[in-house]
Amino acid sequence: TLRSYYDQSLNTASGYLEDIRELKLEEKAKNLYVETTTAVR
């Protein structure tokens, strides 16, 4: 039972990570950081 719960939670977390990667939020956050630091400098 615990193994099935663990596997299910891993699958859910992997799905969330894939959704985030598809939205390219990491790239957007990185671009926002670069633009902000450039402006501050």
PDB file of all heavy atoms in Angstrom:
ATOM      1  N   THR A   1       0.826  -1.203   0.000  1.00  0.00           N
ATOM      2  CA  THR A   1       0.000   0.000   0.000  1.00  0.00           C
ATOM      3  C   THR A   1       0.860   1.252   0.000  1.00  0.00           C
ATOM      4  O   THR A   1       0.632   2.178  -0.781  1.00  0.00           O
ATOM      5  CB  THR A   1      -0.931   0.008   1.229  1.00  0.00           C
ATOM      6  OG1 THR A   1      -1.728  -1.171   1.214  1.00  0.00           O
ATOM      7  CG2 THR A   1      -1.819   1.233   1.229  1.00  0.00           C
ATOM      8  N   LEU A   2       1.871   1.268   0.868  1.00  0.00           N
ATOM      9  CA  LEU A   2       2.766   2.427   0.919  1.00  0.00           C
ATOM     10  C   LEU A   2       3.528   2.597  -0.391  1.00  0.00           C
ATOM     11  O   LEU A   2       3.723   3.717  -0.858  1.00  0.00           O
ATOM     12  CB  LEU A   2       3.745   2.290   2.087  1.00  0.00           C
ATOM     13  CG  LEU A   2       3.136   2.417   3.473  1.00  0.00           C
ATOM     14  CD1 LEU A   2       4.185   2.136   4.532  1.00  0.00           C
ATOM     15  CD2 LEU A   2       2.525   3.790   3.671  1.00  0.00           C
ATOM     16  N   ARG A   3       3.949   1.486  -0.972  1.00  0.00           N
ATOM     17  CA  ARG A   3       4.664   1.556  -2.242  1.00  0.00           C
ATOM     18  C   ARG A   3       3.761   2.133  -3.340  1.00  0.00           C
ATOM     19  O   ARG A   3       4.208   2.940  -4.152  1.00  0.00           O
ATOM     20  CB  ARG A   3       5.166   0.173  -2.644  1.00  0.00           C
ATOM     21  CG  ARG A   3       6.129   0.200  -3.804  1.00  0.00           C
ATOM     22  CD  ARG A   3       6.757  -1.163  -4.078  1.00  0.00           C
ATOM     23  NE  ARG A   3       7.629  -1.541  -2.986  1.00  0.00           N
ATOM     24  CZ  ARG A   3       7.520  -2.680  -2.297  1.00  0.00           C
ATOM     25  NH1 ARG A   3       6.578  -3.549  -2.588  1.00  0.00           N
ATOM     26  NH2 ARG A   3       8.362  -2.944  -1.320  1.00  0.00           N
ATOM     27  N   SER A   4       2.492   1.748  -3.333  1.00  0.00           N
ATOM     28  CA  SER A   4       1.584   2.285  -4.350  1.00  0.00           C
ATOM     29  C   SER A   4       1.340   3.782  -4.121  1.00  0.00           C
ATOM     30  O   SER A   4       1.285   4.551  -5.090  1.00  0.00           O
ATOM     31  CB  SER A   4       0.264   1.523  -4.357  1.00  0.00           C
ATOM     32  OG  SER A   4      -0.469   1.781  -3.178  1.00  0.00           O
ATOM     33  N   TYR A   5       1.207   4.198  -2.853  1.00  0.00           N
ATOM     34  CA  TYR A   5       1.055   5.630  -2.567  1.00  0.00           C
ATOM     35  C   TYR A   5       2.295   6.404  -2.994  1.00  0.00           C
ATOM     36  O   TYR A   5       2.206   7.491  -3.568  1.00  0.00           O
ATOM     37  CB  TYR A   5       0.796   5.879  -1.077  1.00  0.00           C
ATOM     38  CG  TYR A   5      -0.573   5.468  -0.594  1.00  0.00           C
ATOM     39  CD1 TYR A   5      -0.758   5.028   0.709  1.00  0.00           C
ATOM     40  CD2 TYR A   5      -1.685   5.524  -1.424  1.00  0.00           C
ATOM     41  CE1 TYR A   5      -1.997   4.649   1.168  1.00  0.00           C
ATOM     42  CE2 TYR A   5      -2.927   5.144  -0.980  1.00  0.00           C
ATOM     43  CZ  TYR A   5      -3.084   4.712   0.317  1.00  0.00           C
ATOM     44  OH  TYR A   5      -4.317   4.346   0.768  1.00  0.00           O
ATOM     45  N   TYR A   6       3.460   5.837  -2.704  1.00  0.00           N
ATOM     46  CA  TYR A   6       4.719   6.485  -3.068  1.00  0.00           C
ATOM     47  C   TYR A   6       4.842   6.610  -4.592  1.00  0.00           C
ATOM     48  O   TYR A   6       5.201   7.660  -5.115  1.00  0.00           O
ATOM     49  CB  TYR A   6       5.892   5.700  -2.489  1.00  0.00           C
ATOM     50  CG  TYR A   6       7.236   6.285  -2.815  1.00  0.00           C
ATOM     51  CD1 TYR A   6       7.670   7.453  -2.209  1.00  0.00           C
ATOM     52  CD2 TYR A   6       8.077   5.664  -3.741  1.00  0.00           C
ATOM     53  CE1 TYR A   6       8.906   7.996  -2.499  1.00  0.00           C
ATOM     54  CE2 TYR A   6       9.307   6.216  -4.035  1.00  0.00           C
ATOM     55  CZ  TYR A   6       9.721   7.368  -3.418  1.00  0.00           C
ATOM     56  OH  TYR A   6      10.933   7.891  -3.735  1.00  0.00           O
ATOM     57  N   ASP A   7       4.539   5.537  -5.298  1.00  0.00           N
ATOM     58  CA  ASP A   7       4.598   5.578  -6.762  1.00  0.00           C
ATOM     59  C   ASP A   7       3.619   6.598  -7.331  1.00  0.00           C
ATOM     60  O   ASP A   7       3.949   7.333  -8.265  1.00  0.00           O
ATOM     61  CB  ASP A   7       4.300   4.194  -7.355  1.00  0.00           C
ATOM     62  CG  ASP A   7       5.411   3.197  -7.084  1.00  0.00           C
ATOM     63  OD1 ASP A   7       6.550   3.637  -6.797  1.00  0.00           O
ATOM     64  OD2 ASP A   7       5.134   1.980  -7.164  1.00  0.00           O
ATOM     65  N   GLN A   8       2.431   6.650  -6.756  1.00  0.00           N
ATOM     66  CA  GLN A   8       1.429   7.604  -7.213  1.00  0.00           C
ATOM     67  C   GLN A   8       1.895   9.041  -6.969  1.00  0.00           C
ATOM     68  O   GLN A   8       1.735   9.908  -7.833  1.00  0.00           O
ATOM     69  CB  GLN A   8       0.103   7.360  -6.505  1.00  0.00           C
ATOM     70  CG  GLN A   8      -1.016   8.252  -6.983  1.00  0.00           C
ATOM     71  CD  GLN A   8      -2.310   7.959  -6.248  1.00  0.00           C
ATOM     72  OE1 GLN A   8      -2.350   7.152  -5.332  1.00  0.00           O
ATOM     73  NE2 GLN A   8      -3.378   8.618  -6.650  1.00  0.00           N
ATOM     74  N   SER A   9       2.503   9.295  -5.809  1.00  0.00           N
ATOM     75  CA  SER A   9       2.981  10.645  -5.527  1.00  0.00           C
ATOM     76  C   SER A   9       4.139  11.014  -6.452  1.00  0.00           C
ATOM     77  O   SER A   9       4.242  12.156  -6.903  1.00  0.00           O
ATOM     78  CB  SER A   9       3.387  10.788  -4.068  1.00  0.00           C
ATOM     79  OG  SER A   9       4.479   9.945  -3.782  1.00  0.00           O
ATOM     80  N   LEU A  10       5.021  10.057  -6.759  1.00  0.00           N
ATOM     81  CA  LEU A  10       6.101  10.327  -7.705  1.00  0.00           C
ATOM     82  C   LEU A  10       5.559  10.644  -9.092  1.00  0.00           C
ATOM     83  O   LEU A  10       6.047  11.553  -9.764  1.00  0.00           O
ATOM     84  CB  LEU A  10       7.058   9.142  -7.782  1.00  0.00           C
ATOM     85  CG  LEU A  10       8.043   8.984  -6.638  1.00  0.00           C
ATOM     86  CD1 LEU A  10       8.920   7.767  -6.879  1.00  0.00           C
ATOM     87  CD2 LEU A  10       8.898  10.214  -6.480  1.00  0.00           C
ATOM     88  N   ASN A  11       4.567   9.890  -9.521  1.00  0.00           N
ATOM     89  CA  ASN A  11       3.967  10.141 -10.833  1.00  0.00           C
ATOM     90  C   ASN A  11       3.304  11.513 -10.881  1.00  0.00           C
ATOM     91  O   ASN A  11       3.409  12.229 -11.879  1.00  0.00           O
ATOM     92  CB  ASN A  11       2.960   9.048 -11.178  1.00  0.00           C
ATOM     93  CG  ASN A  11       3.630   7.726 -11.445  1.00  0.00           C
ATOM     94  OD1 ASN A  11       4.810   7.659 -11.791  1.00  0.00           O
ATOM     95  ND2 ASN A  11       2.887   6.641 -11.277  1.00  0.00           N
ATOM     96  N   THR A  12       2.634  11.882  -9.804  1.00  0.00           N
ATOM     97  CA  THR A  12       1.988  13.200  -9.749  1.00  0.00           C
ATOM     98  C   THR A  12       3.033  14.312  -9.789  1.00  0.00           C
ATOM     99  O   THR A  12       2.887  15.287 -10.535  1.00  0.00           O
ATOM    100  CB  THR A  12       1.142  13.318  -8.476  1.00  0.00           C
ATOM    101  OG1 THR A  12       0.184  12.270  -8.462  1.00  0.00           O
ATOM    102  CG2 THR A  12       0.431  14.655  -8.413  1.00  0.00           C
ATOM    103  N   ALA A  13       4.095  14.164  -9.000  1.00  0.00           N
ATOM    104  CA  ALA A  13       5.153  15.173  -8.987  1.00  0.00           C
ATOM    105  C   ALA A  13       5.833  15.264 -10.351  1.00  0.00           C
ATOM    106  O   ALA A  13       6.131  16.359 -10.829  1.00  0.00           O
ATOM    107  CB  ALA A  13       6.178  14.846  -7.909  1.00  0.00           C
ATOM    108  N   SER A  14       6.064  14.140 -10.984  1.00  0.00           N
ATOM    109  CA  SER A  14       6.671  14.149 -12.321  1.00  0.00           C
ATOM    110  C   SER A  14       5.758  14.852 -13.319  1.00  0.00           C
ATOM    111  O   SER A  14       6.229  15.589 -14.185  1.00  0.00           O
ATOM    112  CB  SER A  14       6.951  12.727 -12.790  1.00  0.00           C
ATOM    113  OG  SER A  14       7.884  12.103 -11.956  1.00  0.00           O
ATOM    114  N   GLY A  15       4.470  14.626 -13.188  1.00  0.00           N
ATOM    115  CA  GLY A  15       3.517  15.308 -14.059  1.00  0.00           C
ATOM    116  C   GLY A  15       3.547  16.808 -13.867  1.00  0.00           C
ATOM    117  O   GLY A  15       3.506  17.569 -14.841  1.00  0.00           O
ATOM    118  N   TYR A  16       3.629  17.248 -12.602  1.00  0.00           N
ATOM    119  CA  TYR A  16       3.721  18.683 -12.330  1.00  0.00           C
ATOM    120  C   TYR A  16       4.996  19.273 -12.916  1.00  0.00           C
ATOM    121  O   TYR A  16       4.977  20.361 -13.493  1.00  0.00           O
ATOM    122  CB  TYR A  16       3.675  18.961 -10.833  1.00  0.00           C
ATOM    123  CG  TYR A  16       2.330  18.734 -10.187  1.00  0.00           C
ATOM    124  CD1 TYR A  16       2.240  18.380  -8.845  1.00  0.00           C
ATOM    125  CD2 TYR A  16       1.147  18.866 -10.896  1.00  0.00           C
ATOM    126  CE1 TYR A  16       1.009  18.166  -8.243  1.00  0.00           C
ATOM    127  CE2 TYR A  16      -0.077  18.654 -10.302  1.00  0.00           C
ATOM    128  CZ  TYR A  16      -0.142  18.310  -8.976  1.00  0.00           C
ATOM    129  OH  TYR A  16      -1.352  18.108  -8.375  1.00  0.00           O
ATOM    130  N   LEU A  17       6.100  18.566 -12.785  1.00  0.00           N
ATOM    131  CA  LEU A  17       7.361  19.057 -13.350  1.00  0.00           C
ATOM    132  C   LEU A  17       7.290  19.163 -14.864  1.00  0.00           C
ATOM    133  O   LEU A  17       7.798  20.119 -15.451  1.00  0.00           O
ATOM    134  CB  LEU A  17       8.521  18.149 -12.938  1.00  0.00           C
ATOM    135  CG  LEU A  17       8.971  18.276 -11.498  1.00  0.00           C
ATOM    136  CD1 LEU A  17      10.035  17.234 -11.185  1.00  0.00           C
ATOM    137  CD2 LEU A  17       9.506  19.658 -11.218  1.00  0.00           C
ATOM    138  N   GLU A  18       6.671  18.186 -15.495  1.00  0.00           N
ATOM    139  CA  GLU A  18       6.520  18.248 -16.954  1.00  0.00           C
ATOM    140  C   GLU A  18       5.653  19.439 -17.361  1.00  0.00           C
ATOM    141  O   GLU A  18       5.948  20.115 -18.341  1.00  0.00           O
ATOM    142  CB  GLU A  18       5.918  16.942 -17.486  1.00  0.00           C
ATOM    143  CG  GLU A  18       6.898  15.808 -17.544  1.00  0.00           C
ATOM    144  CD  GLU A  18       8.075  16.110 -18.456  1.00  0.00           C
ATOM    145  OE1 GLU A  18       7.878  16.664 -19.545  1.00  0.00           O
ATOM    146  OE2 GLU A  18       9.206  15.775 -18.065  1.00  0.00           O
ATOM    147  N   ASP A  19       4.576  19.685 -16.593  1.00  0.00           N
ATOM    148  CA  ASP A  19       3.721  20.832 -16.893  1.00  0.00           C
ATOM    149  C   ASP A  19       4.501  22.137 -16.772  1.00  0.00           C
ATOM    150  O   ASP A  19       4.361  23.040 -17.592  1.00  0.00           O
ATOM    151  CB  ASP A  19       2.510  20.870 -15.954  1.00  0.00           C
ATOM    152  CG  ASP A  19       1.522  19.754 -16.250  1.00  0.00           C
ATOM    153  OD1 ASP A  19       1.615  19.145 -17.336  1.00  0.00           O
ATOM    154  OD2 ASP A  19       0.667  19.483 -15.383  1.00  0.00           O
ATOM    155  N   ILE A  20       5.331  22.232 -15.744  1.00  0.00           N
ATOM    156  CA  ILE A  20       6.131  23.442 -15.546  1.00  0.00           C
ATOM    157  C   ILE A  20       7.129  23.605 -16.681  1.00  0.00           C
ATOM    158  O   ILE A  20       7.330  24.700 -17.207  1.00  0.00           O
ATOM    159  CB  ILE A  20       6.845  23.396 -14.182  1.00  0.00           C
ATOM    160  CG1 ILE A  20       5.818  23.584 -13.070  1.00  0.00           C
ATOM    161  CG2 ILE A  20       7.933  24.451 -14.088  1.00  0.00           C
ATOM    162  CD1 ILE A  20       6.358  23.347 -11.685  1.00  0.00           C
ATOM    163  N   ARG A  21       7.753  22.496 -17.068  1.00  0.00           N
ATOM    164  CA  ARG A  21       8.723  22.572 -18.170  1.00  0.00           C
ATOM    165  C   ARG A  21       8.047  22.961 -19.474  1.00  0.00           C
ATOM    166  O   ARG A  21       8.611  23.674 -20.286  1.00  0.00           O
ATOM    167  CB  ARG A  21       9.445  21.240 -18.314  1.00  0.00           C
ATOM    168  CG  ARG A  21      10.478  21.019 -17.236  1.00  0.00           C
ATOM    169  CD  ARG A  21      11.332  19.806 -17.504  1.00  0.00           C
ATOM    170  NE  ARG A  21      12.230  19.595 -16.389  1.00  0.00           N
ATOM    171  CZ  ARG A  21      12.316  18.470 -15.698  1.00  0.00           C
ATOM    172  NH1 ARG A  21      11.562  17.447 -16.040  1.00  0.00           N
ATOM    173  NH2 ARG A  21      13.151  18.370 -14.695  1.00  0.00           N
ATOM    174  N   GLU A  22       6.834  22.466 -19.686  1.00  0.00           N
ATOM    175  CA  GLU A  22       6.111  22.814 -20.904  1.00  0.00           C
ATOM    176  C   GLU A  22       5.763  24.298 -20.935  1.00  0.00           C
ATOM    177  O   GLU A  22       5.722  24.907 -21.997  1.00  0.00           O
ATOM    178  CB  GLU A  22       4.837  21.976 -21.018  1.00  0.00           C
ATOM    179  CG  GLU A  22       5.112  20.524 -21.373  1.00  0.00           C
ATOM    180  CD  GLU A  22       3.854  19.696 -21.377  1.00  0.00           C
ATOM    181  OE1 GLU A  22       2.742  20.253 -21.250  1.00  0.00           O
ATOM    182  OE2 GLU A  22       3.976  18.460 -21.514  1.00  0.00           O
ATOM    183  N   LEU A  23       5.488  24.880 -19.794  1.00  0.00           N
ATOM    184  CA  LEU A  23       5.176  26.302 -19.735  1.00  0.00           C
ATOM    185  C   LEU A  23       6.424  27.170 -19.856  1.00  0.00           C
ATOM    186  O   LEU A  23       6.332  28.380 -19.992  1.00  0.00           O
ATOM    187  CB  LEU A  23       4.454  26.627 -18.425  1.00  0.00           C
ATOM    188  CG  LEU A  23       3.077  26.009 -18.248  1.00  0.00           C
ATOM    189  CD1 LEU A  23       2.556  26.304 -16.847  1.00  0.00           C
ATOM    190  CD2 LEU A  23       2.118  26.533 -19.290  1.00  0.00           C
ATOM    191  N   LYS A  24       7.571  26.540 -19.767  1.00  0.00           N
ATOM    192  CA  LYS A  24       8.864  27.221 -19.863  1.00  0.00           C
ATOM    193  C   LYS A  24       9.002  28.311 -18.803  1.00  0.00           C
ATOM    194  O   LYS A  24       9.519  29.394 -19.058  1.00  0.00           O
ATOM    195  CB  LYS A  24       9.081  27.792 -21.264  1.00  0.00           C
ATOM    196  CG  LYS A  24       9.121  26.723 -22.338  1.00  0.00           C
ATOM    197  CD  LYS A  24       9.391  27.305 -23.694  1.00  0.00           C
ATOM    198  CE  LYS A  24       9.397  26.180 -24.723  1.00  0.00           C
ATOM    199  NZ  LYS A  24       9.628  26.665 -26.057  1.00  0.00           N
ATOM    200  N   LEU A  25       8.537  28.004 -17.600  1.00  0.00           N
ATOM    201  CA  LEU A  25       8.620  28.968 -16.509  1.00  0.00           C
ATOM    202  C   LEU A  25      10.064  29.183 -16.074  1.00  0.00           C
ATOM    203  O   LEU A  25      10.429  30.280 -15.663  1.00  0.00           O
ATOM    204  CB  LEU A  25       7.779  28.515 -15.321  1.00  0.00           C
ATOM    205  CG  LEU A  25       6.273  28.526 -15.534  1.00  0.00           C
ATOM    206  CD1 LEU A  25       5.561  28.026 -14.287  1.00  0.00           C
ATOM    207  CD2 LEU A  25       5.793  29.916 -15.886  1.00  0.00           C
ATOM    208  N   GLU A  26      10.874  28.125 -16.161  1.00  0.00           N
ATOM    209  CA  GLU A  26      12.273  28.272 -15.778  1.00  0.00           C
ATOM    210  C   GLU A  26      12.968  29.297 -16.668  1.00  0.00           C
ATOM    211  O   GLU A  26      13.703  30.155 -16.193  1.00  0.00           O
ATOM    212  CB  GLU A  26      12.992  26.930 -15.879  1.00  0.00           C
ATOM    213  CG  GLU A  26      12.518  25.911 -14.881  1.00  0.00           C
ATOM    214  CD  GLU A  26      13.125  24.545 -15.121  1.00  0.00           C
ATOM    215  OE1 GLU A  26      14.010  24.417 -15.984  1.00  0.00           O
ATOM    216  OE2 GLU A  26      12.716  23.606 -14.425  1.00  0.00           O
ATOM    217  N   GLU A  27      12.706  29.203 -17.964  1.00  0.00           N
ATOM    218  CA  GLU A  27      13.327  30.134 -18.910  1.00  0.00           C
ATOM    219  C   GLU A  27      12.814  31.552 -18.678  1.00  0.00           C
ATOM    220  O   GLU A  27      13.589  32.514 -18.715  1.00  0.00           O
ATOM    221  CB  GLU A  27      13.028  29.688 -20.340  1.00  0.00           C
ATOM    222  CG  GLU A  27      13.695  30.520 -21.401  1.00  0.00           C
ATOM    223  CD  GLU A  27      13.400  30.007 -22.797  1.00  0.00           C
ATOM    224  OE1 GLU A  27      13.164  28.811 -22.957  1.00  0.00           O
ATOM    225  OE2 GLU A  27      13.407  30.843 -23.716  1.00  0.00           O
ATOM    226  N   LYS A  28      11.524  31.687 -18.410  1.00  0.00           N
ATOM    227  CA  LYS A  28      10.954  33.009 -18.163  1.00  0.00           C
ATOM    228  C   LYS A  28      11.544  33.625 -16.893  1.00  0.00           C
ATOM    229  O   LYS A  28      11.847  34.814 -16.864  1.00  0.00           O
ATOM    230  CB  LYS A  28       9.430  32.911 -18.049  1.00  0.00           C
ATOM    231  CG  LYS A  28       8.756  32.610 -19.364  1.00  0.00           C
ATOM    232  CD  LYS A  28       7.255  32.482 -19.206  1.00  0.00           C
ATOM    233  CE  LYS A  28       6.604  32.107 -20.519  1.00  0.00           C
ATOM    234  NZ  LYS A  28       5.157  31.939 -20.387  1.00  0.00           N
ATOM    235  N   ALA A  29      11.694  32.808 -15.856  1.00  0.00           N
ATOM    236  CA  ALA A  29      12.270  33.311 -14.606  1.00  0.00           C
ATOM    237  C   ALA A  29      13.725  33.714 -14.816  1.00  0.00           C
ATOM    238  O   ALA A  29      14.179  34.741 -14.295  1.00  0.00           O
ATOM    239  CB  ALA A  29      12.165  32.251 -13.521  1.00  0.00           C
ATOM    240  N   LYS A  30      14.458  32.936 -15.591  1.00  0.00           N
ATOM    241  CA  LYS A  30      15.857  33.254 -15.857  1.00  0.00           C
ATOM    242  C   LYS A  30      15.964  34.555 -16.653  1.00  0.00           C
ATOM    243  O   LYS A  30      16.801  35.410 -16.357  1.00  0.00           O
ATOM    244  CB  LYS A  30      16.507  32.117 -16.643  1.00  0.00           C
ATOM    245  CG  LYS A  30      18.015  32.203 -16.713  1.00  0.00           C
ATOM    246  CD  LYS A  30      18.612  31.071 -17.539  1.00  0.00           C
ATOM    247  CE  LYS A  30      18.303  29.747 -16.919  1.00  0.00           C
ATOM    248  NZ  LYS A  30      18.934  28.617 -17.628  1.00  0.00           N
ATOM    249  N   ASN A  31      15.105  34.723 -17.648  1.00  0.00           N
ATOM    250  CA  ASN A  31      15.108  35.959 -18.437  1.00  0.00           C
ATOM    251  C   ASN A  31      14.737  37.163 -17.580  1.00  0.00           C
ATOM    252  O   ASN A  31      15.328  38.237 -17.720  1.00  0.00           O
ATOM    253  CB  ASN A  31      14.146  35.840 -19.619  1.00  0.00           C
ATOM    254  CG  ASN A  31      14.651  34.890 -20.687  1.00  0.00           C
ATOM    255  OD1 ASN A  31      15.838  34.574 -20.736  1.00  0.00           O
ATOM    256  ND2 ASN A  31      13.756  34.423 -21.528  1.00  0.00           N
ATOM    257  N   LEU A  32      13.765  36.994 -16.704  1.00  0.00           N
ATOM    258  CA  LEU A  32      13.368  38.080 -15.815  1.00  0.00           C
ATOM    259  C   LEU A  32      14.522  38.480 -14.906  1.00  0.00           C
ATOM    260  O   LEU A  32      14.786  39.666 -14.708  1.00  0.00           O
ATOM    261  CB  LEU A  32      12.162  37.661 -14.977  1.00  0.00           C
ATOM    262  CG  LEU A  32      11.642  38.685 -13.972  1.00  0.00           C
ATOM    263  CD1 LEU A  32      11.115  39.913 -14.701  1.00  0.00           C
ATOM    264  CD2 LEU A  32      10.561  38.069 -13.115  1.00  0.00           C
ATOM    265  N   TYR A  33      15.256  37.499 -14.382  1.00  0.00           N
ATOM    266  CA  TYR A  33      16.406  37.776 -13.528  1.00  0.00           C
ATOM    267  C   TYR A  33      17.485  38.536 -14.297  1.00  0.00           C
ATOM    268  O   TYR A  33      18.033  39.522 -13.797  1.00  0.00           O
ATOM    269  CB  TYR A  33      16.975  36.466 -12.975  1.00  0.00           C
ATOM    270  CG  TYR A  33      18.245  36.655 -12.193  1.00  0.00           C
ATOM    271  CD1 TYR A  33      18.216  37.173 -10.906  1.00  0.00           C
ATOM    272  CD2 TYR A  33      19.474  36.331 -12.751  1.00  0.00           C
ATOM    273  CE1 TYR A  33      19.380  37.359 -10.188  1.00  0.00           C
ATOM    274  CE2 TYR A  33      20.654  36.511 -12.051  1.00  0.00           C
ATOM    275  CZ  TYR A  33      20.607  37.026 -10.771  1.00  0.00           C
ATOM    276  OH  TYR A  33      21.758  37.206 -10.075  1.00  0.00           O
ATOM    277  N   VAL A  34      17.784  38.097 -15.509  1.00  0.00           N
ATOM    278  CA  VAL A  34      18.828  38.744 -16.310  1.00  0.00           C
ATOM    279  C   VAL A  34      18.436  40.186 -16.626  1.00  0.00           C
ATOM    280  O   VAL A  34      19.250  41.114 -16.498  1.00  0.00           O
ATOM    281  CB  VAL A  34      19.092  37.940 -17.601  1.00  0.00           C
ATOM    282  CG1 VAL A  34      19.955  38.718 -18.577  1.00  0.00           C
ATOM    283  CG2 VAL A  34      19.746  36.612 -17.265  1.00  0.00           C
ATOM    284  N   GLU A  35      17.183  40.393 -17.034  1.00  0.00           N
ATOM    285  CA  GLU A  35      16.727  41.743 -17.364  1.00  0.00           C
ATOM    286  C   GLU A  35      16.746  42.652 -16.138  1.00  0.00           C
ATOM    287  O   GLU A  35      17.126  43.820 -16.219  1.00  0.00           O
ATOM    288  CB  GLU A  35      15.330  41.686 -17.958  1.00  0.00           C
ATOM    289  CG  GLU A  35      15.290  41.048 -19.344  1.00  0.00           C
ATOM    290  CD  GLU A  35      13.877  40.800 -19.833  1.00  0.00           C
ATOM    291  OE1 GLU A  35      12.914  41.145 -19.114  1.00  0.00           O
ATOM    292  OE2 GLU A  35      13.753  40.258 -20.939  1.00  0.00           O
ATOM    293  N   THR A  36      16.342  42.112 -14.990  1.00  0.00           N
ATOM    294  CA  THR A  36      16.317  42.909 -13.762  1.00  0.00           C
ATOM    295  C   THR A  36      17.721  43.288 -13.333  1.00  0.00           C
ATOM    296  O   THR A  36      17.980  44.452 -12.985  1.00  0.00           O
ATOM    297  CB  THR A  36      15.614  42.129 -12.643  1.00  0.00           C
ATOM    298  OG1 THR A  36      14.295  41.791 -13.077  1.00  0.00           O
ATOM    299  CG2 THR A  36      15.533  42.944 -11.372  1.00  0.00           C
ATOM    300  N   THR A  37      18.645  42.326 -13.351  1.00  0.00           N
ATOM    301  CA  THR A  37      20.012  42.646 -12.933  1.00  0.00           C
ATOM    302  C   THR A  37      20.667  43.621 -13.900  1.00  0.00           C
ATOM    303  O   THR A  37      21.438  44.493 -13.469  1.00  0.00           O
ATOM    304  CB  THR A  37      20.875  41.376 -12.817  1.00  0.00           C
ATOM    305  OG1 THR A  37      20.821  40.650 -14.049  1.00  0.00           O
ATOM    306  CG2 THR A  37      20.409  40.497 -11.683  1.00  0.00           C
ATOM    307  N   THR A  38      20.358  43.528 -15.179  1.00  0.00           N
ATOM    308  CA  THR A  38      20.911  44.471 -16.148  1.00  0.00           C
ATOM    309  C   THR A  38      20.411  45.885 -15.857  1.00  0.00           C
ATOM    310  O   THR A  38      21.188  46.845 -15.860  1.00  0.00           O
ATOM    311  CB  THR A  38      20.536  44.058 -17.579  1.00  0.00           C
ATOM    312  OG1 THR A  38      21.017  42.731 -17.820  1.00  0.00           O
ATOM    313  CG2 THR A  38      21.115  44.997 -18.601  1.00  0.00           C
ATOM    314  N   ALA A  39      19.108  46.006 -15.605  1.00  0.00           N
ATOM    315  CA  ALA A  39      18.541  47.317 -15.307  1.00  0.00           C
ATOM    316  C   ALA A  39      19.103  47.884 -14.013  1.00  0.00           C
ATOM    317  O   ALA A  39      19.442  49.079 -13.930  1.00  0.00           O
ATOM    318  CB  ALA A  39      17.016  47.218 -15.224  1.00  0.00           C
ATOM    319  N   VAL A  40      19.247  47.063 -12.986  1.00  0.00           N
ATOM    320  CA  VAL A  40      19.777  47.529 -11.709  1.00  0.00           C
ATOM    321  C   VAL A  40      21.218  47.987 -11.873  1.00  0.00           C
ATOM    322  O   VAL A  40      21.617  49.029 -11.333  1.00  0.00           O
ATOM    323  CB  VAL A  40      19.647  46.430 -10.628  1.00  0.00           C
ATOM    324  CG1 VAL A  40      20.460  46.766  -9.390  1.00  0.00           C
ATOM    325  CG2 VAL A  40      18.190  46.232 -10.266  1.00  0.00           C
ATOM    326  N   ARG A  41      22.016  47.242 -12.627  1.00  0.00           N
ATOM    327  CA  ARG A  41      23.405  47.646 -12.854  1.00  0.00           C
ATOM    328  C   ARG A  41      23.474  48.978 -13.598  1.00  0.00           C
ATOM    329  O   ARG A  41      24.301  49.836 -13.281  1.00  0.00           O
ATOM    330  CB  ARG A  41      24.139  46.573 -13.655  1.00  0.00           C
ATOM    331  CG  ARG A  41      24.515  45.374 -12.849  1.00  0.00           C
ATOM    332  CD  ARG A  41      25.330  44.390 -13.670  1.00  0.00           C
ATOM    333  NE  ARG A  41      25.500  43.160 -12.922  1.00  0.00           N
ATOM    334  CZ  ARG A  41      25.505  41.962 -13.450  1.00  0.00           C
ATOM    335  NH1 ARG A  41      25.375  41.811 -14.751  1.00  0.00           N
ATOM    336  NH2 ARG A  41      25.670  40.904 -12.690  1.00  0.00           N
TER     337      ARG A  41
END
